[in-house]
Amino acid sequence: MDFYVFLVTVPNIEEGKKIARVLVESKLAACVNIIHNILSIYSWKGNIEEDNEHLLIIKTKESKGELIIQKVKELHSYSEPECIGLKINKGSETYLNWISEVVD
Protein backbone atom coordinates (compact mmCIF):
# COMPACT_ATOMS: atom_id res chain seq x y z
CA MET A 1 0.00 0.00 0.00
CA ASP A 2 1.28 3.48 -0.87
CA PHE A 3 0.97 6.53 1.36
CA TYR A 4 1.04 10.21 0.48
CA VAL A 5 1.49 13.64 2.02
CA PHE A 6 -0.47 16.45 0.40
CA LEU A 7 0.55 20.09 0.76
CA VAL A 8 -2.16 22.75 0.61
CA THR A 9 -1.79 26.46 1.36
CA VAL A 10 -4.74 28.41 2.75
CA PRO A 11 -5.31 32.15 3.29
CA ASN A 12 -6.41 31.93 6.92
CA ILE A 13 -6.51 29.52 9.83
CA GLU A 14 -10.31 29.20 9.82
CA GLU A 15 -10.31 27.90 6.25
CA GLY A 16 -7.44 25.54 7.06
CA LYS A 17 -9.27 24.12 10.08
CA LYS A 18 -12.46 23.68 8.03
CA ILE A 19 -10.65 21.75 5.28
CA ALA A 20 -8.68 19.69 7.83
CA ARG A 21 -11.79 18.71 9.79
CA VAL A 22 -13.71 17.68 6.68
CA LEU A 23 -10.82 15.53 5.43
CA VAL A 24 -10.30 13.80 8.79
CA GLU A 25 -14.01 13.41 9.63
CA SER A 26 -14.72 11.91 6.20
CA LYS A 27 -11.76 9.52 6.66
CA LEU A 28 -9.93 10.83 3.60
CA ALA A 29 -6.96 11.75 5.81
CA ALA A 30 -5.58 10.31 9.03
CA CYS A 31 -4.10 13.62 10.18
CA VAL A 32 -3.71 17.20 9.00
CA ASN A 33 -1.03 19.44 10.49
CA ILE A 34 -1.44 23.20 10.12
CA ILE A 35 1.72 25.28 10.03
CA HIS A 36 0.93 28.89 10.86
CA ASN A 37 2.25 31.98 9.11
CA ILE A 38 4.30 31.05 6.10
CA LEU A 39 5.30 33.66 3.55
CA SER A 40 4.50 32.75 -0.05
CA ILE A 41 6.01 34.59 -3.02
CA TYR A 42 4.58 33.47 -6.34
CA SER A 43 3.74 34.48 -9.88
CA TRP A 44 0.01 34.95 -10.56
CA LYS A 45 -1.51 36.40 -13.74
CA GLY A 46 1.70 38.12 -14.75
CA ASN A 47 2.43 39.66 -11.34
CA ILE A 48 4.76 38.68 -8.51
CA GLU A 49 2.59 38.33 -5.40
CA GLU A 50 3.50 38.04 -1.72
CA ASP A 51 1.05 36.71 0.88
CA ASN A 52 0.98 35.36 4.39
CA GLU A 53 -0.60 31.91 4.32
CA HIS A 54 -0.86 28.72 6.35
CA LEU A 55 0.25 25.27 5.20
CA LEU A 56 -1.75 22.08 5.58
CA ILE A 57 0.21 18.82 5.66
CA ILE A 58 -2.24 16.02 4.94
CA LYS A 59 -1.36 12.35 5.57
CA THR A 60 -3.32 9.75 3.63
CA LYS A 61 -3.32 6.69 1.38
CA GLU A 62 -2.62 7.00 -2.34
CA SER A 63 -6.11 5.70 -3.12
CA LYS A 64 -7.66 8.85 -1.56
CA GLY A 65 -5.56 11.31 -3.58
CA GLU A 66 -8.12 12.24 -6.23
CA LEU A 67 -10.87 12.59 -3.62
CA ILE A 68 -8.65 14.90 -1.56
CA ILE A 69 -7.93 17.06 -4.61
CA GLN A 70 -11.65 17.28 -5.38
CA LYS A 71 -12.60 18.08 -1.77
CA VAL A 72 -9.89 20.77 -1.47
CA LYS A 73 -11.13 22.42 -4.69
CA GLU A 74 -14.69 22.29 -3.39
CA LEU A 75 -13.90 23.82 0.03
CA HIS A 76 -11.07 26.22 -0.84
CA SER A 77 -11.60 29.93 -1.49
CA TYR A 78 -8.78 30.20 -4.07
CA SER A 79 -9.69 29.80 -7.73
CA GLU A 80 -6.64 27.55 -8.16
CA PRO A 81 -5.65 26.07 -4.80
CA GLU A 82 -2.32 24.35 -4.28
CA CYS A 83 -2.81 20.64 -3.73
CA ILE A 84 0.40 18.69 -4.29
CA GLY A 85 0.77 15.02 -3.40
CA LEU A 86 4.15 13.56 -2.49
CA LYS A 87 4.70 9.84 -2.09
CA ILE A 88 6.04 8.74 1.28
CA ASN A 89 9.06 6.59 0.45
CA LYS A 90 9.93 5.66 4.02
CA GLY A 91 8.16 5.87 7.34
CA SER A 92 7.63 4.23 10.65
CA GLU A 93 5.78 0.98 10.02
CA THR A 94 3.51 1.52 13.00
CA TYR A 95 2.65 5.09 11.87
CA LEU A 96 1.90 3.94 8.33
CA ASN A 97 -0.25 1.11 9.73
CA TRP A 98 -2.15 3.72 11.74
CA ILE A 99 -2.83 5.76 8.57
CA SER A 100 -4.05 2.58 6.89
CA GLU A 101 -6.42 1.81 9.77
CA VAL A 102 -7.83 5.34 10.06
CA VAL A 103 -8.28 6.22 6.38
CA ASP A 104 -11.36 4.45 5.04
PDB file of N, CA and C in Angstrom:
ATOM      1  N   MET A   1       0.846  -1.175   0.000  1.00  0.00           N
ATOM      2  CA  MET A   1       0.000   0.000   0.000  1.00  0.00           C
ATOM      3  C   MET A   1       0.891   1.238   0.000  1.00  0.00           C
ATOM      4  N   ASP A   2       0.509   2.247  -0.786  1.00  0.00           N
ATOM      5  CA  ASP A   2       1.276   3.482  -0.866  1.00  0.00           C
ATOM      6  C   ASP A   2       0.605   4.583  -0.050  1.00  0.00           C
ATOM      7  N   PHE A   3       1.432   5.431   0.524  1.00  0.00           N
ATOM      8  CA  PHE A   3       0.971   6.533   1.361  1.00  0.00           C
ATOM      9  C   PHE A   3       1.475   7.844   0.779  1.00  0.00           C
ATOM     10  N   TYR A   4       0.718   8.899   1.033  1.00  0.00           N
ATOM     11  CA  TYR A   4       1.039  10.211   0.480  1.00  0.00           C
ATOM     12  C   TYR A   4       0.913  11.301   1.528  1.00  0.00           C
ATOM     13  N   VAL A   5       1.643  12.386   1.298  1.00  0.00           N
ATOM     14  CA  VAL A   5       1.494  13.637   2.021  1.00  0.00           C
ATOM     15  C   VAL A   5       1.051  14.660   0.980  1.00  0.00           C
ATOM     16  N   PHE A   6      -0.025  15.368   1.258  1.00  0.00           N
ATOM     17  CA  PHE A   6      -0.474  16.451   0.395  1.00  0.00           C
ATOM     18  C   PHE A   6      -0.177  17.773   1.074  1.00  0.00           C
ATOM     19  N   LEU A   7       0.283  18.742   0.286  1.00  0.00           N
ATOM     20  CA  LEU A   7       0.552  20.091   0.763  1.00  0.00           C
ATOM     21  C   LEU A   7      -0.502  21.021   0.172  1.00  0.00           C
ATOM     22  N   VAL A   8      -1.131  21.808   1.035  1.00  0.00           N
ATOM     23  CA  VAL A   8      -2.163  22.746   0.613  1.00  0.00           C
ATOM     24  C   VAL A   8      -1.956  24.044   1.385  1.00  0.00           C
ATOM     25  N   THR A   9      -1.853  25.169   0.686  1.00  0.00           N
ATOM     26  CA  THR A   9      -1.787  26.459   1.364  1.00  0.00           C
ATOM     27  C   THR A   9      -3.189  27.048   1.439  1.00  0.00           C
ATOM     28  N   VAL A  10      -3.441  27.765   2.528  1.00  0.00           N
ATOM     29  CA  VAL A  10      -4.744  28.409   2.748  1.00  0.00           C
ATOM     30  C   VAL A  10      -4.514  29.850   3.208  1.00  0.00           C
ATOM     31  N   PRO A  11      -5.498  30.739   2.954  1.00  0.00           N
ATOM     32  CA  PRO A  11      -5.308  32.150   3.290  1.00  0.00           C
ATOM     33  C   PRO A  11      -5.471  32.477   4.766  1.00  0.00           C
ATOM     34  N   ASN A  12      -6.191  31.634   5.503  1.00  0.00           N
ATOM     35  CA  ASN A  12      -6.409  31.925   6.918  1.00  0.00           C
ATOM     36  C   ASN A  12      -6.621  30.624   7.691  1.00  0.00           C
ATOM     37  N   ILE A  13      -6.459  30.718   8.990  1.00  0.00           N
ATOM     38  CA  ILE A  13      -6.511  29.521   9.833  1.00  0.00           C
ATOM     39  C   ILE A  13      -7.901  28.905   9.863  1.00  0.00           C
ATOM     40  N   GLU A  14      -8.934  29.737   9.792  1.00  0.00           N
ATOM     41  CA  GLU A  14     -10.308  29.203   9.822  1.00  0.00           C
ATOM     42  C   GLU A  14     -10.564  28.295   8.627  1.00  0.00           C
ATOM     43  N   GLU A  15     -10.131  28.730   7.444  1.00  0.00           N
ATOM     44  CA  GLU A  15     -10.314  27.900   6.249  1.00  0.00           C
ATOM     45  C   GLU A  15      -9.486  26.621   6.352  1.00  0.00           C
ATOM     46  N   GLY A  16      -8.280  26.725   6.881  1.00  0.00           N
ATOM     47  CA  GLY A  16      -7.442  25.544   7.059  1.00  0.00           C
ATOM     48  C   GLY A  16      -8.072  24.541   8.002  1.00  0.00           C
ATOM     49  N   LYS A  17      -8.626  25.023   9.117  1.00  0.00           N
ATOM     50  CA  LYS A  17      -9.273  24.117  10.075  1.00  0.00           C
ATOM     51  C   LYS A  17     -10.514  23.473   9.470  1.00  0.00           C
ATOM     52  N   LYS A  18     -11.259  24.232   8.669  1.00  0.00           N
ATOM     53  CA  LYS A  18     -12.457  23.684   8.029  1.00  0.00           C
ATOM     54  C   LYS A  18     -12.078  22.540   7.083  1.00  0.00           C
ATOM     55  N   ILE A  19     -11.095  22.790   6.232  1.00  0.00           N
ATOM     56  CA  ILE A  19     -10.655  21.755   5.282  1.00  0.00           C
ATOM     57  C   ILE A  19     -10.107  20.552   6.040  1.00  0.00           C
ATOM     58  N   ALA A  20      -9.273  20.785   7.051  1.00  0.00           N
ATOM     59  CA  ALA A  20      -8.678  19.692   7.826  1.00  0.00           C
ATOM     60  C   ALA A  20      -9.756  18.831   8.481  1.00  0.00           C
ATOM     61  N   ARG A  21     -10.725  19.468   9.113  1.00  0.00           N
ATOM     62  CA  ARG A  21     -11.787  18.714   9.794  1.00  0.00           C
ATOM     63  C   ARG A  21     -12.602  17.867   8.826  1.00  0.00           C
ATOM     64  N   VAL A  22     -12.940  18.447   7.672  1.00  0.00           N
ATOM     65  CA  VAL A  22     -13.713  17.683   6.680  1.00  0.00           C
ATOM     66  C   VAL A  22     -12.916  16.468   6.210  1.00  0.00           C
ATOM     67  N   LEU A  23     -11.642  16.649   5.928  1.00  0.00           N
ATOM     68  CA  LEU A  23     -10.824  15.530   5.435  1.00  0.00           C
ATOM     69  C   LEU A  23     -10.681  14.431   6.478  1.00  0.00           C
ATOM     70  N   VAL A  24     -10.468  14.808   7.743  1.00  0.00           N
ATOM     71  CA  VAL A  24     -10.303  13.801   8.794  1.00  0.00           C
ATOM     72  C   VAL A  24     -11.647  13.160   9.146  1.00  0.00           C
ATOM     73  N   GLU A  25     -12.697  13.964   9.282  1.00  0.00           N
ATOM     74  CA  GLU A  25     -14.014  13.412   9.635  1.00  0.00           C
ATOM     75  C   GLU A  25     -14.558  12.478   8.555  1.00  0.00           C
ATOM     76  N   SER A  26     -14.248  12.764   7.296  1.00  0.00           N
ATOM     77  CA  SER A  26     -14.721  11.906   6.202  1.00  0.00           C
ATOM     78  C   SER A  26     -13.772  10.746   5.924  1.00  0.00           C
ATOM     79  N   LYS A  27     -12.742  10.613   6.742  1.00  0.00           N
ATOM     80  CA  LYS A  27     -11.761   9.522   6.663  1.00  0.00           C
ATOM     81  C   LYS A  27     -10.975   9.514   5.354  1.00  0.00           C
ATOM     82  N   LEU A  28     -10.812  10.696   4.762  1.00  0.00           N
ATOM     83  CA  LEU A  28      -9.932  10.829   3.603  1.00  0.00           C
ATOM     84  C   LEU A  28      -8.493  11.025   4.039  1.00  0.00           C
ATOM     85  N   ALA A  29      -8.296  11.528   5.260  1.00  0.00           N
ATOM     86  CA  ALA A  29      -6.959  11.753   5.806  1.00  0.00           C
ATOM     87  C   ALA A  29      -6.915  11.255   7.248  1.00  0.00           C
ATOM     88  N   ALA A  30      -5.758  10.749   7.648  1.00  0.00           N
ATOM     89  CA  ALA A  30      -5.579  10.312   9.032  1.00  0.00           C
ATOM     90  C   ALA A  30      -5.264  11.499   9.933  1.00  0.00           C
ATOM     91  N   CYS A  31      -4.553  12.482   9.383  1.00  0.00           N
ATOM     92  CA  CYS A  31      -4.096  13.620  10.176  1.00  0.00           C
ATOM     93  C   CYS A  31      -3.808  14.780   9.241  1.00  0.00           C
ATOM     94  N   VAL A  32      -4.090  15.991   9.716  1.00  0.00           N
ATOM     95  CA  VAL A  32      -3.706  17.204   8.997  1.00  0.00           C
ATOM     96  C   VAL A  32      -3.013  18.125   9.990  1.00  0.00           C
ATOM     97  N   ASN A  33      -1.762  18.456   9.701  1.00  0.00           N
ATOM     98  CA  ASN A  33      -1.034  19.444  10.490  1.00  0.00           C
ATOM     99  C   ASN A  33      -1.225  20.798   9.826  1.00  0.00           C
ATOM    100  N   ILE A  34      -1.323  21.843  10.648  1.00  0.00           N
ATOM    101  CA  ILE A  34      -1.443  23.196  10.123  1.00  0.00           C
ATOM    102  C   ILE A  34      -0.240  24.000  10.630  1.00  0.00           C
ATOM    103  N   ILE A  35       0.575  24.442   9.698  1.00  0.00           N
ATOM    104  CA  ILE A  35       1.723  25.280  10.028  1.00  0.00           C
ATOM    105  C   ILE A  35       1.292  26.730   9.819  1.00  0.00           C
ATOM    106  N   HIS A  36       1.373  27.505  10.888  1.00  0.00           N
ATOM    107  CA  HIS A  36       0.935  28.895  10.860  1.00  0.00           C
ATOM    108  C   HIS A  36       1.968  29.807  10.214  1.00  0.00           C
ATOM    109  N   ASN A  37       1.450  30.831   9.561  1.00  0.00           N
ATOM    110  CA  ASN A  37       2.251  31.975   9.113  1.00  0.00           C
ATOM    111  C   ASN A  37       3.477  31.626   8.281  1.00  0.00           C
ATOM    112  N   ILE A  38       3.218  31.189   7.071  1.00  0.00           N
ATOM    113  CA  ILE A  38       4.299  31.045   6.102  1.00  0.00           C
ATOM    114  C   ILE A  38       4.198  32.219   5.134  1.00  0.00           C
ATOM    115  N   LEU A  39       5.287  32.592   4.544  1.00  0.00           N
ATOM    116  CA  LEU A  39       5.300  33.657   3.546  1.00  0.00           C
ATOM    117  C   LEU A  39       5.429  33.014   2.179  1.00  0.00           C
ATOM    118  N   SER A  40       4.476  33.297   1.305  1.00  0.00           N
ATOM    119  CA  SER A  40       4.497  32.753  -0.053  1.00  0.00           C
ATOM    120  C   SER A  40       4.749  33.871  -1.049  1.00  0.00           C
ATOM    121  N   ILE A  41       5.715  33.672  -1.925  1.00  0.00           N
ATOM    122  CA  ILE A  41       6.007  34.591  -3.023  1.00  0.00           C
ATOM    123  C   ILE A  41       5.827  33.780  -4.296  1.00  0.00           C
ATOM    124  N   TYR A  42       4.954  34.267  -5.178  1.00  0.00           N
ATOM    125  CA  TYR A  42       4.578  33.472  -6.339  1.00  0.00           C
ATOM    126  C   TYR A  42       4.160  34.365  -7.505  1.00  0.00           C
ATOM    127  N   SER A  43       4.181  33.781  -8.683  1.00  0.00           N
ATOM    128  CA  SER A  43       3.740  34.478  -9.884  1.00  0.00           C
ATOM    129  C   SER A  43       2.268  34.139 -10.129  1.00  0.00           C
ATOM    130  N   TRP A  44       1.439  35.172 -10.321  1.00  0.00           N
ATOM    131  CA  TRP A  44       0.008  34.954 -10.563  1.00  0.00           C
ATOM    132  C   TRP A  44      -0.491  36.005 -11.546  1.00  0.00           C
ATOM    133  N   LYS A  45      -0.947  35.532 -12.702  1.00  0.00           N
ATOM    134  CA  LYS A  45      -1.515  36.398 -13.744  1.00  0.00           C
ATOM    135  C   LYS A  45      -0.569  37.535 -14.123  1.00  0.00           C
ATOM    136  N   GLY A  46       0.714  37.164 -14.281  1.00  0.00           N
ATOM    137  CA  GLY A  46       1.704  38.118 -14.747  1.00  0.00           C
ATOM    138  C   GLY A  46       2.312  39.010 -13.673  1.00  0.00           C
ATOM    139  N   ASN A  47       1.896  38.851 -12.432  1.00  0.00           N
ATOM    140  CA  ASN A  47       2.428  39.661 -11.336  1.00  0.00           C
ATOM    141  C   ASN A  47       3.134  38.778 -10.311  1.00  0.00           C
ATOM    142  N   ILE A  48       4.124  39.357  -9.636  1.00  0.00           N
ATOM    143  CA  ILE A  48       4.757  38.675  -8.511  1.00  0.00           C
ATOM    144  C   ILE A  48       3.978  39.085  -7.266  1.00  0.00           C
ATOM    145  N   GLU A  49       3.429  38.102  -6.570  1.00  0.00           N
ATOM    146  CA  GLU A  49       2.593  38.335  -5.396  1.00  0.00           C
ATOM    147  C   GLU A  49       3.327  37.868  -4.140  1.00  0.00           C
ATOM    148  N   GLU A  50       2.948  38.430  -3.012  1.00  0.00           N
ATOM    149  CA  GLU A  50       3.502  38.037  -1.717  1.00  0.00           C
ATOM    150  C   GLU A  50       2.350  38.014  -0.711  1.00  0.00           C
ATOM    151  N   ASP A  51       2.157  36.860  -0.067  1.00  0.00           N
ATOM    152  CA  ASP A  51       1.051  36.711   0.882  1.00  0.00           C
ATOM    153  C   ASP A  51       1.471  35.889   2.090  1.00  0.00           C
ATOM    154  N   ASN A  52       0.872  36.210   3.220  1.00  0.00           N
ATOM    155  CA  ASN A  52       0.975  35.356   4.394  1.00  0.00           C
ATOM    156  C   ASN A  52      -0.093  34.280   4.272  1.00  0.00           C
ATOM    157  N   GLU A  53       0.317  33.039   4.441  1.00  0.00           N
ATOM    158  CA  GLU A  53      -0.600  31.913   4.325  1.00  0.00           C
ATOM    159  C   GLU A  53      -0.332  30.931   5.453  1.00  0.00           C
ATOM    160  N   HIS A  54      -1.063  29.839   5.431  1.00  0.00           N
ATOM    161  CA  HIS A  54      -0.859  28.724   6.352  1.00  0.00           C
ATOM    162  C   HIS A  54      -0.745  27.473   5.491  1.00  0.00           C
ATOM    163  N   LEU A  55      -0.013  26.489   5.973  1.00  0.00           N
ATOM    164  CA  LEU A  55       0.247  25.274   5.196  1.00  0.00           C
ATOM    165  C   LEU A  55      -0.385  24.072   5.871  1.00  0.00           C
ATOM    166  N   LEU A  56      -1.194  23.350   5.112  1.00  0.00           N
ATOM    167  CA  LEU A  56      -1.752  22.083   5.577  1.00  0.00           C
ATOM    168  C   LEU A  56      -0.850  20.951   5.099  1.00  0.00           C
ATOM    169  N   ILE A  57      -0.526  20.036   6.005  1.00  0.00           N
ATOM    170  CA  ILE A  57       0.208  18.816   5.661  1.00  0.00           C
ATOM    171  C   ILE A  57      -0.742  17.663   5.942  1.00  0.00           C
ATOM    172  N   ILE A  58      -1.172  17.005   4.879  1.00  0.00           N
ATOM    173  CA  ILE A  58      -2.241  16.017   4.942  1.00  0.00           C
ATOM    174  C   ILE A  58      -1.646  14.623   4.732  1.00  0.00           C
ATOM    175  N   LYS A  59      -1.863  13.720   5.686  1.00  0.00           N
ATOM    176  CA  LYS A  59      -1.361  12.347   5.565  1.00  0.00           C
ATOM    177  C   LYS A  59      -2.495  11.408   5.200  1.00  0.00           C
ATOM    178  N   THR A  60      -2.250  10.590   4.142  1.00  0.00           N
ATOM    179  CA  THR A  60      -3.321   9.748   3.626  1.00  0.00           C
ATOM    180  C   THR A  60      -2.762   8.564   2.840  1.00  0.00           C
ATOM    181  N   LYS A  61      -3.673   7.780   2.294  1.00  0.00           N
ATOM    182  CA  LYS A  61      -3.318   6.692   1.382  1.00  0.00           C
ATOM    183  C   LYS A  61      -3.408   7.198  -0.056  1.00  0.00           C
ATOM    184  N   GLU A  62      -2.617   6.614  -0.930  1.00  0.00           N
ATOM    185  CA  GLU A  62      -2.619   7.004  -2.340  1.00  0.00           C
ATOM    186  C   GLU A  62      -4.022   6.913  -2.934  1.00  0.00           C
ATOM    187  N   SER A  63      -4.780   5.925  -2.543  1.00  0.00           N
ATOM    188  CA  SER A  63      -6.113   5.698  -3.119  1.00  0.00           C
ATOM    189  C   SER A  63      -7.080   6.844  -2.849  1.00  0.00           C
ATOM    190  N   LYS A  64      -6.777   7.711  -1.892  1.00  0.00           N
ATOM    191  CA  LYS A  64      -7.658   8.848  -1.558  1.00  0.00           C
ATOM    192  C   LYS A  64      -7.215  10.143  -2.224  1.00  0.00           C
ATOM    193  N   GLY A  65      -6.139  10.099  -2.995  1.00  0.00           N
ATOM    194  CA  GLY A  65      -5.561  11.307  -3.579  1.00  0.00           C
ATOM    195  C   GLY A  65      -6.522  12.120  -4.420  1.00  0.00           C
ATOM    196  N   GLU A  66      -7.200  11.498  -5.355  1.00  0.00           N
ATOM    197  CA  GLU A  66      -8.122  12.244  -6.226  1.00  0.00           C
ATOM    198  C   GLU A  66      -9.290  12.825  -5.440  1.00  0.00           C
ATOM    199  N   LEU A  67      -9.772  12.079  -4.459  1.00  0.00           N
ATOM    200  CA  LEU A  67     -10.867  12.592  -3.623  1.00  0.00           C
ATOM    201  C   LEU A  67     -10.415  13.786  -2.791  1.00  0.00           C
ATOM    202  N   ILE A  68      -9.184  13.755  -2.308  1.00  0.00           N
ATOM    203  CA  ILE A  68      -8.652  14.895  -1.558  1.00  0.00           C
ATOM    204  C   ILE A  68      -8.546  16.119  -2.459  1.00  0.00           C
ATOM    205  N   ILE A  69      -8.029  15.942  -3.660  1.00  0.00           N
ATOM    206  CA  ILE A  69      -7.925  17.058  -4.606  1.00  0.00           C
ATOM    207  C   ILE A  69      -9.301  17.656  -4.878  1.00  0.00           C
ATOM    208  N   GLN A  70     -10.289  16.806  -5.117  1.00  0.00           N
ATOM    209  CA  GLN A  70     -11.654  17.280  -5.379  1.00  0.00           C
ATOM    210  C   GLN A  70     -12.222  18.025  -4.173  1.00  0.00           C
ATOM    211  N   LYS A  71     -12.041  17.473  -2.981  1.00  0.00           N
ATOM    212  CA  LYS A  71     -12.596  18.080  -1.769  1.00  0.00           C
ATOM    213  C   LYS A  71     -11.910  19.426  -1.482  1.00  0.00           C
ATOM    214  N   VAL A  72     -10.603  19.502  -1.680  1.00  0.00           N
ATOM    215  CA  VAL A  72      -9.894  20.770  -1.474  1.00  0.00           C
ATOM    216  C   VAL A  72     -10.425  21.825  -2.444  1.00  0.00           C
ATOM    217  N   LYS A  73     -10.588  21.475  -3.719  1.00  0.00           N
ATOM    218  CA  LYS A  73     -11.130  22.423  -4.695  1.00  0.00           C
ATOM    219  C   LYS A  73     -12.528  22.880  -4.304  1.00  0.00           C
ATOM    220  N   GLU A  74     -13.317  21.977  -3.787  1.00  0.00           N
ATOM    221  CA  GLU A  74     -14.693  22.288  -3.386  1.00  0.00           C
ATOM    222  C   GLU A  74     -14.740  23.250  -2.198  1.00  0.00           C
ATOM    223  N   LEU A  75     -13.853  23.061  -1.221  1.00  0.00           N
ATOM    224  CA  LEU A  75     -13.901  23.817   0.027  1.00  0.00           C
ATOM    225  C   LEU A  75     -13.033  25.078   0.038  1.00  0.00           C
ATOM    226  N   HIS A  76     -12.082  25.161  -0.860  1.00  0.00           N
ATOM    227  CA  HIS A  76     -11.070  26.217  -0.839  1.00  0.00           C
ATOM    228  C   HIS A  76     -11.599  27.503  -1.474  1.00  0.00           C
ATOM    229  N   SER A  77     -11.166  28.639  -0.946  1.00  0.00           N
ATOM    230  CA  SER A  77     -11.602  29.932  -1.487  1.00  0.00           C
ATOM    231  C   SER A  77     -10.779  30.389  -2.695  1.00  0.00           C
ATOM    232  N   TYR A  78      -9.597  29.813  -2.913  1.00  0.00           N
ATOM    233  CA  TYR A  78      -8.782  30.200  -4.071  1.00  0.00           C
ATOM    234  C   TYR A  78      -9.367  29.607  -5.343  1.00  0.00           C
ATOM    235  N   SER A  79      -9.225  30.330  -6.452  1.00  0.00           N
ATOM    236  CA  SER A  79      -9.695  29.801  -7.734  1.00  0.00           C
ATOM    237  C   SER A  79      -8.818  28.644  -8.216  1.00  0.00           C
ATOM    238  N   GLU A  80      -7.561  28.632  -7.800  1.00  0.00           N
ATOM    239  CA  GLU A  80      -6.639  27.549  -8.163  1.00  0.00           C
ATOM    240  C   GLU A  80      -5.806  27.166  -6.948  1.00  0.00           C
ATOM    241  N   PRO A  81      -6.386  26.400  -6.020  1.00  0.00           N
ATOM    242  CA  PRO A  81      -5.647  26.074  -4.799  1.00  0.00           C
ATOM    243  C   PRO A  81      -4.494  25.097  -5.045  1.00  0.00           C
ATOM    244  N   GLU A  82      -3.434  25.303  -4.267  1.00  0.00           N
ATOM    245  CA  GLU A  82      -2.322  24.354  -4.281  1.00  0.00           C
ATOM    246  C   GLU A  82      -2.787  23.057  -3.638  1.00  0.00           C
ATOM    247  N   CYS A  83      -2.530  21.954  -4.299  1.00  0.00           N
ATOM    248  CA  CYS A  83      -2.813  20.637  -3.729  1.00  0.00           C
ATOM    249  C   CYS A  83      -1.828  19.674  -4.388  1.00  0.00           C
ATOM    250  N   ILE A  84      -0.701  19.471  -3.725  1.00  0.00           N
ATOM    251  CA  ILE A  84       0.404  18.695  -4.287  1.00  0.00           C
ATOM    252  C   ILE A  84       0.609  17.439  -3.450  1.00  0.00           C
ATOM    253  N   GLY A  85       0.566  16.283  -4.092  1.00  0.00           N
ATOM    254  CA  GLY A  85       0.765  15.017  -3.402  1.00  0.00           C
ATOM    255  C   GLY A  85       2.175  14.497  -3.582  1.00  0.00           C
ATOM    256  N   LEU A  86       2.796  14.121  -2.475  1.00  0.00           N
ATOM    257  CA  LEU A  86       4.147  13.564  -2.487  1.00  0.00           C
ATOM    258  C   LEU A  86       4.108  12.166  -1.878  1.00  0.00           C
ATOM    259  N   LYS A  87       4.673  11.206  -2.585  1.00  0.00           N
ATOM    260  CA  LYS A  87       4.700   9.837  -2.093  1.00  0.00           C
ATOM    261  C   LYS A  87       5.641   9.725  -0.902  1.00  0.00           C
ATOM    262  N   ILE A  88       5.192   9.019   0.116  1.00  0.00           N
ATOM    263  CA  ILE A  88       6.038   8.738   1.278  1.00  0.00           C
ATOM    264  C   ILE A  88       6.877   7.512   0.937  1.00  0.00           C
ATOM    265  N   ASN A  89       8.179   7.698   0.809  1.00  0.00           N
ATOM    266  CA  ASN A  89       9.063   6.591   0.446  1.00  0.00           C
ATOM    267  C   ASN A  89       9.486   5.759   1.644  1.00  0.00           C
ATOM    268  N   LYS A  90       9.554   6.368   2.794  1.00  0.00           N
ATOM    269  CA  LYS A  90       9.931   5.664   4.023  1.00  0.00           C
ATOM    270  C   LYS A  90       9.124   6.237   5.160  1.00  0.00           C
ATOM    271  N   GLY A  91       8.874   5.409   6.156  1.00  0.00           N
ATOM    272  CA  GLY A  91       8.163   5.871   7.337  1.00  0.00           C
ATOM    273  C   GLY A  91       8.105   4.780   8.380  1.00  0.00           C
ATOM    274  N   SER A  92       7.802   5.181   9.572  1.00  0.00           N
ATOM    275  CA  SER A  92       7.627   4.228  10.654  1.00  0.00           C
ATOM    276  C   SER A  92       6.502   3.261  10.299  1.00  0.00           C
ATOM    277  N   GLU A  93       6.777   1.987  10.387  1.00  0.00           N
ATOM    278  CA  GLU A  93       5.781   0.979  10.023  1.00  0.00           C
ATOM    279  C   GLU A  93       4.516   1.125  10.861  1.00  0.00           C
ATOM    280  N   THR A  94       4.683   1.396  12.138  1.00  0.00           N
ATOM    281  CA  THR A  94       3.507   1.524  13.005  1.00  0.00           C
ATOM    282  C   THR A  94       2.694   2.778  12.650  1.00  0.00           C
ATOM    283  N   TYR A  95       3.368   3.867  12.272  1.00  0.00           N
ATOM    284  CA  TYR A  95       2.649   5.086  11.873  1.00  0.00           C
ATOM    285  C   TYR A  95       1.895   4.860  10.565  1.00  0.00           C
ATOM    286  N   LEU A  96       2.554   4.217   9.604  1.00  0.00           N
ATOM    287  CA  LEU A  96       1.898   3.941   8.330  1.00  0.00           C
ATOM    288  C   LEU A  96       0.725   2.975   8.520  1.00  0.00           C
ATOM    289  N   ASN A  97       0.871   2.016   9.408  1.00  0.00           N
ATOM    290  CA  ASN A  97      -0.245   1.111   9.728  1.00  0.00           C
ATOM    291  C   ASN A  97      -1.417   1.885  10.312  1.00  0.00           C
ATOM    292  N   TRP A  98      -1.110   2.885  11.178  1.00  0.00           N
ATOM    293  CA  TRP A  98      -2.151   3.718  11.744  1.00  0.00           C
ATOM    294  C   TRP A  98      -2.912   4.482  10.661  1.00  0.00           C
ATOM    295  N   ILE A  99      -2.177   5.068   9.699  1.00  0.00           N
ATOM    296  CA  ILE A  99      -2.827   5.760   8.571  1.00  0.00           C
ATOM    297  C   ILE A  99      -3.757   4.786   7.860  1.00  0.00           C
ATOM    298  N   SER A 100      -3.251   3.593   7.594  1.00  0.00           N
ATOM    299  CA  SER A 100      -4.048   2.581   6.892  1.00  0.00           C
ATOM    300  C   SER A 100      -5.331   2.228   7.649  1.00  0.00           C
ATOM    301  N   GLU A 101      -5.245   2.149   8.954  1.00  0.00           N
ATOM    302  CA  GLU A 101      -6.419   1.809   9.773  1.00  0.00           C
ATOM    303  C   GLU A 101      -7.437   2.940   9.841  1.00  0.00           C
ATOM    304  N   VAL A 102      -6.961   4.177   9.863  1.00  0.00           N
ATOM    305  CA  VAL A 102      -7.833   5.342  10.061  1.00  0.00           C
ATOM    306  C   VAL A 102      -8.496   5.806   8.757  1.00  0.00           C
ATOM    307  N   VAL A 103      -7.747   5.760   7.665  1.00  0.00           N
ATOM    308  CA  VAL A 103      -8.284   6.223   6.379  1.00  0.00           C
ATOM    309  C   VAL A 103      -9.150   5.103   5.790  1.00  0.00           C
ATOM    310  N   ASP A 104     -10.372   5.450   5.503  1.00  0.00           N
ATOM    311  CA  ASP A 104     -11.355   4.451   5.042  1.00  0.00           C
ATOM    312  C   ASP A 104     -11.202   4.129   3.575  1.00  0.00           C
TER     313      ASP A 104
END
